[in-house]
Amino acid sequence: MSARAVGAYVFVLAGWLVASAEAVPLGFAVVIACLLYAQGVRMIWVEAKENQR
């Protein structure tokens, strides 16, 4: 697994951790989690497209 793929999974994990944190206000946590999830999924998708070549 490449470093970029590992970074993508770290973004997804960070999104999950922010969403599950009770210390962060819910609305803020949802927005940050969605942004982190989206970035992680985009990175995974780009990695998959490059691996097809």
C-alpha atoms as a PDB file:
ATOM      1  CA  MET A   1       0.000   0.000   0.000  1.00  0.00           C
ATOM      2  CA  SER A   2       1.384   3.367  -0.959  1.00  0.00           C
ATOM      3  CA  ALA A   3       1.892   6.283   1.392  1.00  0.00           C
ATOM      4  CA  ARG A   4      -0.938   8.148  -0.318  1.00  0.00           C
ATOM      5  CA  ALA A   5      -3.360   5.277   0.328  1.00  0.00           C
ATOM      6  CA  VAL A   6      -2.322   5.178   3.982  1.00  0.00           C
ATOM      7  CA  GLY A   7      -2.911   8.935   4.180  1.00  0.00           C
ATOM      8  CA  ALA A   8      -6.380   8.490   2.692  1.00  0.00           C
ATOM      9  CA  TYR A   9      -7.317   5.918   5.306  1.00  0.00           C
ATOM     10  CA  VAL A  10      -5.971   8.248   8.015  1.00  0.00           C
ATOM     11  CA  PHE A  11      -8.357  10.967   6.752  1.00  0.00           C
ATOM     12  CA  VAL A  12     -11.290   8.533   6.909  1.00  0.00           C
ATOM     13  CA  LEU A  13     -10.305   7.415  10.417  1.00  0.00           C
ATOM     14  CA  ALA A  14      -9.915  11.040  11.545  1.00  0.00           C
ATOM     15  CA  GLY A  15     -13.400  11.797  10.239  1.00  0.00           C
ATOM     16  CA  TRP A  16     -14.819   8.908  12.237  1.00  0.00           C
ATOM     17  CA  LEU A  17     -12.964   9.997  15.390  1.00  0.00           C
ATOM     18  CA  VAL A  18     -14.192  13.595  15.097  1.00  0.00           C
ATOM     19  CA  ALA A  19     -17.757  12.395  14.523  1.00  0.00           C
ATOM     20  CA  SER A  20     -17.622  10.182  17.615  1.00  0.00           C
ATOM     21  CA  ALA A  21     -15.960  12.760  19.913  1.00  0.00           C
ATOM     22  CA  GLU A  22     -18.341  14.059  22.552  1.00  0.00           C
ATOM     23  CA  ALA A  23     -16.291  17.156  23.395  1.00  0.00           C
ATOM     24  CA  VAL A  24     -16.899  18.703  19.958  1.00  0.00           C
ATOM     25  CA  PRO A  25     -20.277  20.392  19.275  1.00  0.00           C
ATOM     26  CA  LEU A  26     -22.399  18.115  17.082  1.00  0.00           C
ATOM     27  CA  GLY A  27     -22.868  20.471  14.121  1.00  0.00           C
ATOM     28  CA  PHE A  28     -19.163  21.299  13.976  1.00  0.00           C
ATOM     29  CA  ALA A  29     -18.228  17.608  14.286  1.00  0.00           C
ATOM     30  CA  VAL A  30     -20.546  16.632  11.431  1.00  0.00           C
ATOM     31  CA  VAL A  31     -19.107  19.281   9.098  1.00  0.00           C
ATOM     32  CA  ILE A  32     -15.478  18.384   9.898  1.00  0.00           C
ATOM     33  CA  ALA A  33     -16.219  14.648   9.675  1.00  0.00           C
ATOM     34  CA  CYS A  34     -17.867  15.067   6.258  1.00  0.00           C
ATOM     35  CA  LEU A  35     -14.899  17.071   4.972  1.00  0.00           C
ATOM     36  CA  LEU A  36     -12.406  14.489   6.245  1.00  0.00           C
ATOM     37  CA  TYR A  37     -14.460  11.590   4.861  1.00  0.00           C
ATOM     38  CA  ALA A  38     -14.750  13.307   1.483  1.00  0.00           C
ATOM     39  CA  GLN A  39     -11.007  13.973   1.318  1.00  0.00           C
ATOM     40  CA  GLY A  40     -10.190  10.395   2.306  1.00  0.00           C
ATOM     41  CA  VAL A  41     -12.626   8.879  -0.185  1.00  0.00           C
ATOM     42  CA  ARG A  42     -11.315  11.154  -2.950  1.00  0.00           C
ATOM     43  CA  MET A  43      -7.743  10.093  -2.208  1.00  0.00           C
ATOM     44  CA  ILE A  44      -8.735   6.400  -2.222  1.00  0.00           C
ATOM     45  CA  TRP A  45     -10.558   6.877  -5.549  1.00  0.00           C
ATOM     46  CA  VAL A  46      -7.567   8.646  -7.128  1.00  0.00           C
ATOM     47  CA  GLU A  47      -5.258   5.875  -5.890  1.00  0.00           C
ATOM     48  CA  ALA A  48      -7.550   3.218  -7.390  1.00  0.00           C
ATOM     49  CA  LYS A  49      -7.695   5.034 -10.740  1.00  0.00           C
ATOM     50  CA  GLU A  50      -3.885   5.272 -10.869  1.00  0.00           C
ATOM     51  CA  ASN A  51      -3.527   1.584 -10.015  1.00  0.00           C
ATOM     52  CA  GLN A  52      -5.728   0.661 -12.997  1.00  0.00           C
ATOM     53  CA  ARG A  53      -3.223   2.188 -15.422  1.00  0.00           C
END
